[in-house]
């Protein structure tokens, strides 16, 4: 299968990377169903990159409907070791203004566990990955440096609250999240981060601020039109940042712990793994099958 060590997941408004060369479209089948769309695999700054639009081209999936497990597992099958994620977010604090970029280092879950699958494990194989630090600091540092190529204000670190959606917050919810100290709010990135950790893939988010949610006196309601307006203004910046990040990552070996996240996480003894589950999870557990 075609291989790419770097994956890019494009969020709302970011459906393509125009600088990709030698492009091929690849459909990937996974034990968890089909990914959001066919992957666009091409060369960017001398590196093979696998690009996937999170909501599919044409924006056809709600945040809840995104096939997160299939998306991340497909990245693993393609050989991806690092995922750069771009995502539209609302701001919960004054200092994060529309058109700013945030590189969050923490997540807070407000999704519904019975609706969204956020683990590959179960069905006879149990794993508990460490998730105190849910994003790859090394990858976050690269994104921070790459933001300098665009004329944008960048914030390194912050808490991304992941809500269920697809409706935006009520004002009461927004005020509570602010009182909790949350920084930005989105609907997708937490599941990606959890699954990437289980798949031993580095993961970091470039969050594009589009609005002040509904708490701000000058923005008492969030509309799709306003979000799209600010997204369109920042999409080109996001593309330039991702391009520079790929250039910086070229030939850089991973020194983080993401690549061994499962080493002490699988609780179930390998000799008791059900054959069907072992096969299903082969791409992420095969190196631990004999340990």
C-alpha atoms as a PDB file:
ATOM      1  CA  UNK A   1       0.000   0.000   0.000  1.00  0.00           C
ATOM      2  CA  UNK A   2       1.117   3.570  -0.690  1.00  0.00           C
ATOM      3  CA  UNK A   3       3.001   4.949   2.282  1.00  0.00           C
ATOM      4  CA  UNK A   4       3.260   8.430   3.779  1.00  0.00           C
ATOM      5  CA  UNK A   5       4.846   9.260   7.103  1.00  0.00           C
ATOM      6  CA  UNK A   6       2.933  12.522   7.561  1.00  0.00           C
ATOM      7  CA  UNK A   7      -0.843  12.823   7.632  1.00  0.00           C
ATOM      8  CA  UNK A   8      -2.912  15.996   7.479  1.00  0.00           C
ATOM      9  CA  UNK A   9      -6.552  16.077   8.547  1.00  0.00           C
ATOM     10  CA  UNK A  10      -8.345  19.110   7.176  1.00  0.00           C
ATOM     11  CA  UNK A  11     -11.281  20.505   9.105  1.00  0.00           C
ATOM     12  CA  UNK A  12     -14.158  22.758   8.091  1.00  0.00           C
ATOM     13  CA  UNK A  13     -13.072  24.849   5.125  1.00  0.00           C
ATOM     14  CA  UNK A  14      -9.776  23.041   4.582  1.00  0.00           C
ATOM     15  CA  UNK A  15     -10.608  20.435   1.982  1.00  0.00           C
ATOM     16  CA  UNK A  16      -7.399  20.426  -0.061  1.00  0.00           C
ATOM     17  CA  UNK A  17      -3.668  21.156  -0.082  1.00  0.00           C
ATOM     18  CA  UNK A  18      -3.044  22.878  -3.447  1.00  0.00           C
ATOM     19  CA  UNK A  19       0.772  22.484  -3.346  1.00  0.00           C
ATOM     20  CA  UNK A  20       0.640  18.678  -3.335  1.00  0.00           C
ATOM     21  CA  UNK A  21       2.443  17.185  -6.352  1.00  0.00           C
ATOM     22  CA  UNK A  22       2.443  13.707  -7.897  1.00  0.00           C
ATOM     23  CA  UNK A  23      -1.021  13.234  -6.458  1.00  0.00           C
ATOM     24  CA  UNK A  24      -2.910   9.968  -6.263  1.00  0.00           C
ATOM     25  CA  UNK A  25      -6.309   9.275  -4.755  1.00  0.00           C
ATOM     26  CA  UNK A  26      -6.340   6.212  -2.519  1.00  0.00           C
ATOM     27  CA  UNK A  27      -9.377   4.478  -1.029  1.00  0.00           C
ATOM     28  CA  UNK A  28      -8.500   2.609   2.168  1.00  0.00           C
ATOM     29  CA  UNK A  29     -10.579  -0.166   3.714  1.00  0.00           C
ATOM     30  CA  UNK A  30     -10.298  -0.702   7.473  1.00  0.00           C
ATOM     31  CA  UNK A  31     -11.797  -3.123  10.016  1.00  0.00           C
ATOM     32  CA  UNK A  32     -13.725  -0.096  11.305  1.00  0.00           C
ATOM     33  CA  UNK A  33     -15.378   0.796   8.030  1.00  0.00           C
ATOM     34  CA  UNK A  34     -14.559   3.416   5.426  1.00  0.00           C
ATOM     35  CA  UNK A  35     -12.749   6.667   6.281  1.00  0.00           C
ATOM     36  CA  UNK A  36     -14.408  10.032   5.690  1.00  0.00           C
ATOM     37  CA  UNK A  37     -13.188  10.118   2.094  1.00  0.00           C
ATOM     38  CA  UNK A  38     -10.521   8.811  -0.223  1.00  0.00           C
ATOM     39  CA  UNK A  39      -7.049   9.963   0.809  1.00  0.00           C
ATOM     40  CA  UNK A  40      -5.225  12.465  -1.367  1.00  0.00           C
ATOM     41  CA  UNK A  41      -1.595  11.349  -1.286  1.00  0.00           C
ATOM     42  CA  UNK A  42       1.095  13.504  -2.804  1.00  0.00           C
ATOM     43  CA  UNK A  43       4.501  15.068  -2.367  1.00  0.00           C
ATOM     44  CA  UNK A  44       4.848  18.259  -0.345  1.00  0.00           C
ATOM     45  CA  UNK A  45       8.257  19.768   0.359  1.00  0.00           C
ATOM     46  CA  UNK A  46       9.859  16.492  -0.660  1.00  0.00           C
ATOM     47  CA  UNK A  47       7.733  14.420   1.755  1.00  0.00           C
ATOM     48  CA  UNK A  48       4.918  12.017   0.939  1.00  0.00           C
ATOM     49  CA  UNK A  49       1.808  13.297   2.692  1.00  0.00           C
ATOM     50  CA  UNK A  50      -1.626  11.708   3.175  1.00  0.00           C
ATOM     51  CA  UNK A  51      -4.376  14.333   3.243  1.00  0.00           C
ATOM     52  CA  UNK A  52      -7.909  13.586   4.445  1.00  0.00           C
ATOM     53  CA  UNK A  53     -10.853  16.002   4.708  1.00  0.00           C
ATOM     54  CA  UNK A  54     -12.401  15.180   8.097  1.00  0.00           C
ATOM     55  CA  UNK A  55     -15.981  15.913   7.071  1.00  0.00           C
ATOM     56  CA  UNK A  56     -15.472  14.614   3.485  1.00  0.00           C
ATOM     57  CA  UNK A  57     -15.340  16.750   0.409  1.00  0.00           C
ATOM     58  CA  UNK A  58     -18.511  18.782   0.314  1.00  0.00           C
ATOM     59  CA  UNK A  59     -18.762  18.639   4.139  1.00  0.00           C
ATOM     60  CA  UNK A  60     -21.115  15.664   4.402  1.00  0.00           C
ATOM     61  CA  UNK A  61     -20.476  14.385   7.954  1.00  0.00           C
ATOM     62  CA  UNK A  62     -21.633  16.007  11.169  1.00  0.00           C
ATOM     63  CA  UNK A  63     -19.011  15.946  13.951  1.00  0.00           C
ATOM     64  CA  UNK A  64     -20.776  12.959  15.517  1.00  0.00           C
ATOM     65  CA  UNK A  65     -20.880  11.083  12.209  1.00  0.00           C
ATOM     66  CA  UNK A  66     -17.170  11.412  11.420  1.00  0.00           C
ATOM     67  CA  UNK A  67     -15.724   7.862  11.272  1.00  0.00           C
ATOM     68  CA  UNK A  68     -12.863   8.653  13.646  1.00  0.00           C
ATOM     69  CA  UNK A  69     -11.634   5.074  14.097  1.00  0.00           C
ATOM     70  CA  UNK A  70     -11.567   4.384  10.369  1.00  0.00           C
ATOM     71  CA  UNK A  71      -9.747   7.672   9.716  1.00  0.00           C
ATOM     72  CA  UNK A  72      -6.942   7.048  12.203  1.00  0.00           C
ATOM     73  CA  UNK A  73      -6.624   3.326  11.459  1.00  0.00           C
ATOM     74  CA  UNK A  74      -6.346   4.117   7.764  1.00  0.00           C
ATOM     75  CA  UNK A  75      -3.555   6.574   8.554  1.00  0.00           C
ATOM     76  CA  UNK A  76      -1.761   3.759  10.380  1.00  0.00           C
ATOM     77  CA  UNK A  77      -2.195   1.417   7.413  1.00  0.00           C
ATOM     78  CA  UNK A  78      -0.674   4.072   5.149  1.00  0.00           C
ATOM     79  CA  UNK A  79       2.424   4.274   7.336  1.00  0.00           C
ATOM     80  CA  UNK A  80       1.662   7.654   8.921  1.00  0.00           C
ATOM     81  CA  UNK A  81       3.722   8.451  12.029  1.00  0.00           C
ATOM     82  CA  UNK A  82       2.636  12.058  12.573  1.00  0.00           C
ATOM     83  CA  UNK A  83      -0.765  13.706  12.137  1.00  0.00           C
ATOM     84  CA  UNK A  84      -1.209  17.451  11.747  1.00  0.00           C
ATOM     85  CA  UNK A  85      -4.845  18.352  12.339  1.00  0.00           C
ATOM     86  CA  UNK A  86      -6.509  21.607  11.304  1.00  0.00           C
ATOM     87  CA  UNK A  87      -9.769  22.534  12.983  1.00  0.00           C
ATOM     88  CA  UNK A  88     -12.169  25.459  13.287  1.00  0.00           C
ATOM     89  CA  UNK A  89     -12.855  26.505  16.884  1.00  0.00           C
ATOM     90  CA  UNK A  90     -14.709  29.108  18.888  1.00  0.00           C
ATOM     91  CA  UNK A  91     -12.958  31.249  21.497  1.00  0.00           C
ATOM     92  CA  UNK A  92     -13.978  31.102  25.151  1.00  0.00           C
ATOM     93  CA  UNK A  93     -11.539  33.775  26.312  1.00  0.00           C
ATOM     94  CA  UNK A  94     -10.969  37.368  25.184  1.00  0.00           C
ATOM     95  CA  UNK A  95      -7.323  36.828  24.248  1.00  0.00           C
ATOM     96  CA  UNK A  96      -8.143  34.333  21.499  1.00  0.00           C
ATOM     97  CA  UNK A  97      -9.560  36.523  18.755  1.00  0.00           C
ATOM     98  CA  UNK A  98     -11.099  35.473  15.449  1.00  0.00           C
ATOM     99  CA  UNK A  99      -8.340  34.738  12.882  1.00  0.00           C
ATOM    100  CA  UNK A 100      -5.873  33.799  15.647  1.00  0.00           C
ATOM    101  CA  UNK A 101      -4.267  30.347  15.669  1.00  0.00           C
ATOM    102  CA  UNK A 102      -4.152  28.194  18.807  1.00  0.00           C
ATOM    103  CA  UNK A 103      -2.012  25.095  19.315  1.00  0.00           C
ATOM    104  CA  UNK A 104      -3.774  23.478  22.292  1.00  0.00           C
ATOM    105  CA  UNK A 105      -2.002  21.056  24.608  1.00  0.00           C
ATOM    106  CA  UNK A 106      -5.024  19.819  26.597  1.00  0.00           C
ATOM    107  CA  UNK A 107      -8.516  18.506  25.893  1.00  0.00           C
ATOM    108  CA  UNK A 108     -11.706  18.384  27.944  1.00  0.00           C
ATOM    109  CA  UNK A 109     -14.420  15.940  26.923  1.00  0.00           C
ATOM    110  CA  UNK A 110     -18.055  17.014  26.676  1.00  0.00           C
ATOM    111  CA  UNK A 111     -19.049  14.458  24.031  1.00  0.00           C
ATOM    112  CA  UNK A 112     -21.338  11.481  24.578  1.00  0.00           C
ATOM    113  CA  UNK A 113     -19.380   8.273  25.032  1.00  0.00           C
ATOM    114  CA  UNK A 114     -22.168   6.028  23.732  1.00  0.00           C
ATOM    115  CA  UNK A 115     -22.320   8.012  20.520  1.00  0.00           C
ATOM    116  CA  UNK A 116     -18.653   8.451  19.651  1.00  0.00           C
ATOM    117  CA  UNK A 117     -16.146   5.628  19.548  1.00  0.00           C
ATOM    118  CA  UNK A 118     -12.823   6.826  20.957  1.00  0.00           C
ATOM    119  CA  UNK A 119     -10.905   3.576  21.395  1.00  0.00           C
ATOM    120  CA  UNK A 120      -9.859   0.731  19.147  1.00  0.00           C
ATOM    121  CA  UNK A 121      -9.874  -1.699  22.044  1.00  0.00           C
ATOM    122  CA  UNK A 122     -12.508  -4.007  23.480  1.00  0.00           C
ATOM    123  CA  UNK A 123     -13.829  -7.348  22.240  1.00  0.00           C
ATOM    124  CA  UNK A 124     -11.361  -9.280  24.384  1.00  0.00           C
ATOM    125  CA  UNK A 125      -8.305  -6.994  24.324  1.00  0.00           C
ATOM    126  CA  UNK A 126      -8.083  -4.211  26.904  1.00  0.00           C
ATOM    127  CA  UNK A 127      -5.645  -1.290  26.812  1.00  0.00           C
ATOM    128  CA  UNK A 128      -5.366   1.874  28.895  1.00  0.00           C
ATOM    129  CA  UNK A 129      -3.030   4.406  27.284  1.00  0.00           C
ATOM    130  CA  UNK A 130      -1.511   7.301  29.220  1.00  0.00           C
ATOM    131  CA  UNK A 131      -3.323  10.481  28.181  1.00  0.00           C
ATOM    132  CA  UNK A 132      -2.276  13.098  30.723  1.00  0.00           C
ATOM    133  CA  UNK A 133      -0.526  14.944  27.917  1.00  0.00           C
ATOM    134  CA  UNK A 134      -2.837  14.284  24.959  1.00  0.00           C
ATOM    135  CA  UNK A 135      -0.851  15.923  22.167  1.00  0.00           C
ATOM    136  CA  UNK A 136       2.725  15.501  20.993  1.00  0.00           C
ATOM    137  CA  UNK A 137       4.802  18.388  22.317  1.00  0.00           C
ATOM    138  CA  UNK A 138       7.428  17.932  19.622  1.00  0.00           C
ATOM    139  CA  UNK A 139       4.801  18.242  16.915  1.00  0.00           C
ATOM    140  CA  UNK A 140       3.221  21.218  18.676  1.00  0.00           C
ATOM    141  CA  UNK A 141       6.602  22.950  18.743  1.00  0.00           C
ATOM    142  CA  UNK A 142       6.944  22.428  14.997  1.00  0.00           C
ATOM    143  CA  UNK A 143       3.509  23.949  14.380  1.00  0.00           C
ATOM    144  CA  UNK A 144       4.386  26.939  16.553  1.00  0.00           C
ATOM    145  CA  UNK A 145       7.542  27.612  14.529  1.00  0.00           C
ATOM    146  CA  UNK A 146       5.661  27.126  11.272  1.00  0.00           C
ATOM    147  CA  UNK A 147       3.043  29.707  12.237  1.00  0.00           C
ATOM    148  CA  UNK A 148       5.745  32.341  11.723  1.00  0.00           C
ATOM    149  CA  UNK A 149       5.389  31.963   7.948  1.00  0.00           C
ATOM    150  CA  UNK A 150       1.885  33.423   8.132  1.00  0.00           C
ATOM    151  CA  UNK A 151       0.803  36.816   9.378  1.00  0.00           C
ATOM    152  CA  UNK A 152      -1.245  35.448  12.262  1.00  0.00           C
ATOM    153  CA  UNK A 153      -1.242  35.773  16.034  1.00  0.00           C
ATOM    154  CA  UNK A 154      -0.369  32.385  17.520  1.00  0.00           C
ATOM    155  CA  UNK A 155      -1.069  31.010  20.989  1.00  0.00           C
ATOM    156  CA  UNK A 156       0.961  28.023  22.155  1.00  0.00           C
ATOM    157  CA  UNK A 157      -0.942  25.844  24.612  1.00  0.00           C
ATOM    158  CA  UNK A 158      -4.514  26.022  25.865  1.00  0.00           C
ATOM    159  CA  UNK A 159      -7.489  23.782  26.646  1.00  0.00           C
ATOM    160  CA  UNK A 160      -9.722  22.599  23.809  1.00  0.00           C
ATOM    161  CA  UNK A 161     -13.190  21.682  25.055  1.00  0.00           C
ATOM    162  CA  UNK A 162     -14.736  19.111  22.724  1.00  0.00           C
ATOM    163  CA  UNK A 163     -18.532  19.339  22.619  1.00  0.00           C
ATOM    164  CA  UNK A 164     -20.958  17.019  20.863  1.00  0.00           C
ATOM    165  CA  UNK A 165     -22.647  19.401  18.446  1.00  0.00           C
ATOM    166  CA  UNK A 166     -23.789  19.844  15.798  1.00  0.00           C
ATOM    167  CA  UNK A 167     -25.628  22.805  17.368  1.00  0.00           C
ATOM    168  CA  UNK A 168     -23.430  25.525  18.836  1.00  0.00           C
ATOM    169  CA  UNK A 169     -23.429  26.194  22.593  1.00  0.00           C
ATOM    170  CA  UNK A 170     -26.180  27.859  24.556  1.00  0.00           C
ATOM    171  CA  UNK A 171     -25.087  31.052  26.301  1.00  0.00           C
ATOM    172  CA  UNK A 172     -25.389  29.297  29.679  1.00  0.00           C
ATOM    173  CA  UNK A 173     -23.085  26.499  28.526  1.00  0.00           C
ATOM    174  CA  UNK A 174     -20.602  28.957  27.096  1.00  0.00           C
ATOM    175  CA  UNK A 175     -20.438  30.909  30.361  1.00  0.00           C
ATOM    176  CA  UNK A 176     -19.929  27.698  32.365  1.00  0.00           C
ATOM    177  CA  UNK A 177     -17.092  26.577  30.100  1.00  0.00           C
ATOM    178  CA  UNK A 178     -15.464  29.972  30.540  1.00  0.00           C
ATOM    179  CA  UNK A 179     -15.764  29.716  34.319  1.00  0.00           C
ATOM    180  CA  UNK A 180     -14.038  26.321  34.157  1.00  0.00           C
ATOM    181  CA  UNK A 181     -11.044  27.941  32.479  1.00  0.00           C
ATOM    182  CA  UNK A 182     -11.558  26.412  29.036  1.00  0.00           C
ATOM    183  CA  UNK A 183      -9.869  28.303  26.207  1.00  0.00           C
ATOM    184  CA  UNK A 184     -11.365  27.190  22.897  1.00  0.00           C
ATOM    185  CA  UNK A 185     -14.294  25.000  21.858  1.00  0.00           C
ATOM    186  CA  UNK A 186     -14.656  22.573  18.974  1.00  0.00           C
ATOM    187  CA  UNK A 187     -16.442  19.359  18.036  1.00  0.00           C
ATOM    188  CA  UNK A 188     -13.919  16.867  16.675  1.00  0.00           C
ATOM    189  CA  UNK A 189     -10.315  16.764  17.849  1.00  0.00           C
ATOM    190  CA  UNK A 190     -10.518  14.834  21.112  1.00  0.00           C
ATOM    191  CA  UNK A 191     -11.429  11.497  19.524  1.00  0.00           C
ATOM    192  CA  UNK A 192      -8.653  11.924  16.964  1.00  0.00           C
ATOM    193  CA  UNK A 193      -6.099  12.584  19.713  1.00  0.00           C
ATOM    194  CA  UNK A 194      -7.166   9.520  21.739  1.00  0.00           C
ATOM    195  CA  UNK A 195      -7.138   7.202  18.761  1.00  0.00           C
ATOM    196  CA  UNK A 196      -3.839   8.548  17.456  1.00  0.00           C
ATOM    197  CA  UNK A 197      -2.275   7.830  20.848  1.00  0.00           C
ATOM    198  CA  UNK A 198      -3.562   4.247  20.761  1.00  0.00           C
ATOM    199  CA  UNK A 199      -2.211   3.898  17.229  1.00  0.00           C
ATOM    200  CA  UNK A 200       1.159   5.279  18.419  1.00  0.00           C
ATOM    201  CA  UNK A 201       0.929   8.218  16.018  1.00  0.00           C
ATOM    202  CA  UNK A 202       2.064  11.706  17.036  1.00  0.00           C
ATOM    203  CA  UNK A 203      -0.831  14.180  16.968  1.00  0.00           C
ATOM    204  CA  UNK A 204      -1.152  17.960  17.222  1.00  0.00           C
ATOM    205  CA  UNK A 205      -3.886  20.460  16.400  1.00  0.00           C
ATOM    206  CA  UNK A 206      -3.754  23.776  14.592  1.00  0.00           C
ATOM    207  CA  UNK A 207      -6.968  25.453  15.756  1.00  0.00           C
ATOM    208  CA  UNK A 208      -8.350  28.277  13.620  1.00  0.00           C
ATOM    209  CA  UNK A 209     -10.401  30.690  15.731  1.00  0.00           C
ATOM    210  CA  UNK A 210     -13.547  31.757  13.877  1.00  0.00           C
ATOM    211  CA  UNK A 211     -15.709  33.372  16.566  1.00  0.00           C
ATOM    212  CA  UNK A 212     -16.179  34.226  20.249  1.00  0.00           C
ATOM    213  CA  UNK A 213     -18.792  31.515  20.764  1.00  0.00           C
ATOM    214  CA  UNK A 214     -21.924  33.192  22.172  1.00  0.00           C
ATOM    215  CA  UNK A 215     -20.639  34.588  25.502  1.00  0.00           C
ATOM    216  CA  UNK A 216     -19.110  37.737  24.033  1.00  0.00           C
ATOM    217  CA  UNK A 217     -21.348  40.848  24.123  1.00  0.00           C
ATOM    218  CA  UNK A 218     -20.414  41.604  20.523  1.00  0.00           C
ATOM    219  CA  UNK A 219     -21.080  38.035  19.352  1.00  0.00           C
ATOM    220  CA  UNK A 220     -24.279  36.909  21.058  1.00  0.00           C
ATOM    221  CA  UNK A 221     -24.870  34.175  18.479  1.00  0.00           C
ATOM    222  CA  UNK A 222     -22.679  31.969  16.310  1.00  0.00           C
ATOM    223  CA  UNK A 223     -23.857  31.419  12.746  1.00  0.00           C
ATOM    224  CA  UNK A 224     -22.556  29.173  10.006  1.00  0.00           C
ATOM    225  CA  UNK A 225     -22.146  32.229   7.756  1.00  0.00           C
ATOM    226  CA  UNK A 226     -19.876  34.011  10.224  1.00  0.00           C
ATOM    227  CA  UNK A 227     -17.822  30.881  10.860  1.00  0.00           C
ATOM    228  CA  UNK A 228     -17.347  30.278   7.127  1.00  0.00           C
ATOM    229  CA  UNK A 229     -16.387  33.915   6.562  1.00  0.00           C
ATOM    230  CA  UNK A 230     -13.507  33.754   9.037  1.00  0.00           C
ATOM    231  CA  UNK A 231     -12.537  30.262   7.910  1.00  0.00           C
ATOM    232  CA  UNK A 232     -12.156  31.406   4.337  1.00  0.00           C
ATOM    233  CA  UNK A 233      -9.889  34.221   5.508  1.00  0.00           C
ATOM    234  CA  UNK A 234      -7.633  31.810   7.389  1.00  0.00           C
ATOM    235  CA  UNK A 235      -7.602  28.697   5.202  1.00  0.00           C
ATOM    236  CA  UNK A 236      -4.689  29.916   3.084  1.00  0.00           C
ATOM    237  CA  UNK A 237      -2.709  30.671   6.249  1.00  0.00           C
ATOM    238  CA  UNK A 238      -3.408  27.148   7.493  1.00  0.00           C
ATOM    239  CA  UNK A 239      -2.198  25.676   4.199  1.00  0.00           C
ATOM    240  CA  UNK A 240       1.039  27.675   4.376  1.00  0.00           C
ATOM    241  CA  UNK A 241       1.606  26.641   7.988  1.00  0.00           C
ATOM    242  CA  UNK A 242       1.030  22.972   7.218  1.00  0.00           C
ATOM    243  CA  UNK A 243       3.390  23.181   4.248  1.00  0.00           C
ATOM    244  CA  UNK A 244       6.143  24.665   6.396  1.00  0.00           C
ATOM    245  CA  UNK A 245       5.535  22.106   9.148  1.00  0.00           C
ATOM    246  CA  UNK A 246       5.931  19.266   6.645  1.00  0.00           C
ATOM    247  CA  UNK A 247       9.214  20.809   5.480  1.00  0.00           C
ATOM    248  CA  UNK A 248      10.488  21.001   9.071  1.00  0.00           C
ATOM    249  CA  UNK A 249       9.508  17.405   9.752  1.00  0.00           C
ATOM    250  CA  UNK A 250      11.318  16.058   6.710  1.00  0.00           C
ATOM    251  CA  UNK A 251      13.924  13.541   7.824  1.00  0.00           C
ATOM    252  CA  UNK A 252      13.366  14.365  11.504  1.00  0.00           C
ATOM    253  CA  UNK A 253      13.335  11.252  13.665  1.00  0.00           C
ATOM    254  CA  UNK A 254      10.731  10.924  16.387  1.00  0.00           C
ATOM    255  CA  UNK A 255      12.200  11.374  19.873  1.00  0.00           C
ATOM    256  CA  UNK A 256       8.883  11.490  21.744  1.00  0.00           C
ATOM    257  CA  UNK A 257       7.089   8.646  23.527  1.00  0.00           C
ATOM    258  CA  UNK A 258       4.129   8.551  21.138  1.00  0.00           C
ATOM    259  CA  UNK A 259       5.655   5.697  19.144  1.00  0.00           C
ATOM    260  CA  UNK A 260       5.635   3.389  22.174  1.00  0.00           C
ATOM    261  CA  UNK A 261       2.349   4.421  23.787  1.00  0.00           C
ATOM    262  CA  UNK A 262       1.066   0.835  23.915  1.00  0.00           C
ATOM    263  CA  UNK A 263       4.224  -0.666  25.400  1.00  0.00           C
ATOM    264  CA  UNK A 264       2.820  -0.820  28.933  1.00  0.00           C
ATOM    265  CA  UNK A 265      -0.832  -0.124  28.089  1.00  0.00           C
ATOM    266  CA  UNK A 266      -2.208  -3.507  26.989  1.00  0.00           C
ATOM    267  CA  UNK A 267      -3.544  -5.295  30.069  1.00  0.00           C
ATOM    268  CA  UNK A 268      -4.700  -8.473  28.340  1.00  0.00           C
ATOM    269  CA  UNK A 269      -2.090 -11.212  28.010  1.00  0.00           C
ATOM    270  CA  UNK A 270      -1.277 -11.904  24.337  1.00  0.00           C
ATOM    271  CA  UNK A 271      -1.921 -15.629  24.677  1.00  0.00           C
ATOM    272  CA  UNK A 272      -5.550 -14.843  25.543  1.00  0.00           C
ATOM    273  CA  UNK A 273      -6.221 -12.419  22.696  1.00  0.00           C
ATOM    274  CA  UNK A 274      -9.219 -13.541  20.623  1.00  0.00           C
ATOM    275  CA  UNK A 275      -8.071 -14.350  17.109  1.00  0.00           C
ATOM    276  CA  UNK A 276     -10.669 -12.117  15.469  1.00  0.00           C
ATOM    277  CA  UNK A 277      -9.744  -9.104  17.603  1.00  0.00           C
ATOM    278  CA  UNK A 278      -6.021  -9.738  17.113  1.00  0.00           C
ATOM    279  CA  UNK A 279      -6.598  -9.671  13.353  1.00  0.00           C
ATOM    280  CA  UNK A 280      -8.797  -6.595  13.558  1.00  0.00           C
ATOM    281  CA  UNK A 281      -6.164  -4.629  15.496  1.00  0.00           C
ATOM    282  CA  UNK A 282      -3.147  -6.054  13.702  1.00  0.00           C
ATOM    283  CA  UNK A 283      -1.820  -2.721  12.436  1.00  0.00           C
ATOM    284  CA  UNK A 284      -1.437  -1.333  15.949  1.00  0.00           C
ATOM    285  CA  UNK A 285      -0.750  -4.367  18.158  1.00  0.00           C
ATOM    286  CA  UNK A 286       1.290  -6.792  16.075  1.00  0.00           C
ATOM    287  CA  UNK A 287       4.630  -5.677  17.523  1.00  0.00           C
ATOM    288  CA  UNK A 288       3.355  -6.542  21.003  1.00  0.00           C
ATOM    289  CA  UNK A 289       1.874  -9.919  20.103  1.00  0.00           C
ATOM    290  CA  UNK A 290       4.788 -11.845  21.545  1.00  0.00           C
ATOM    291  CA  UNK A 291       5.465  -9.702  24.622  1.00  0.00           C
END
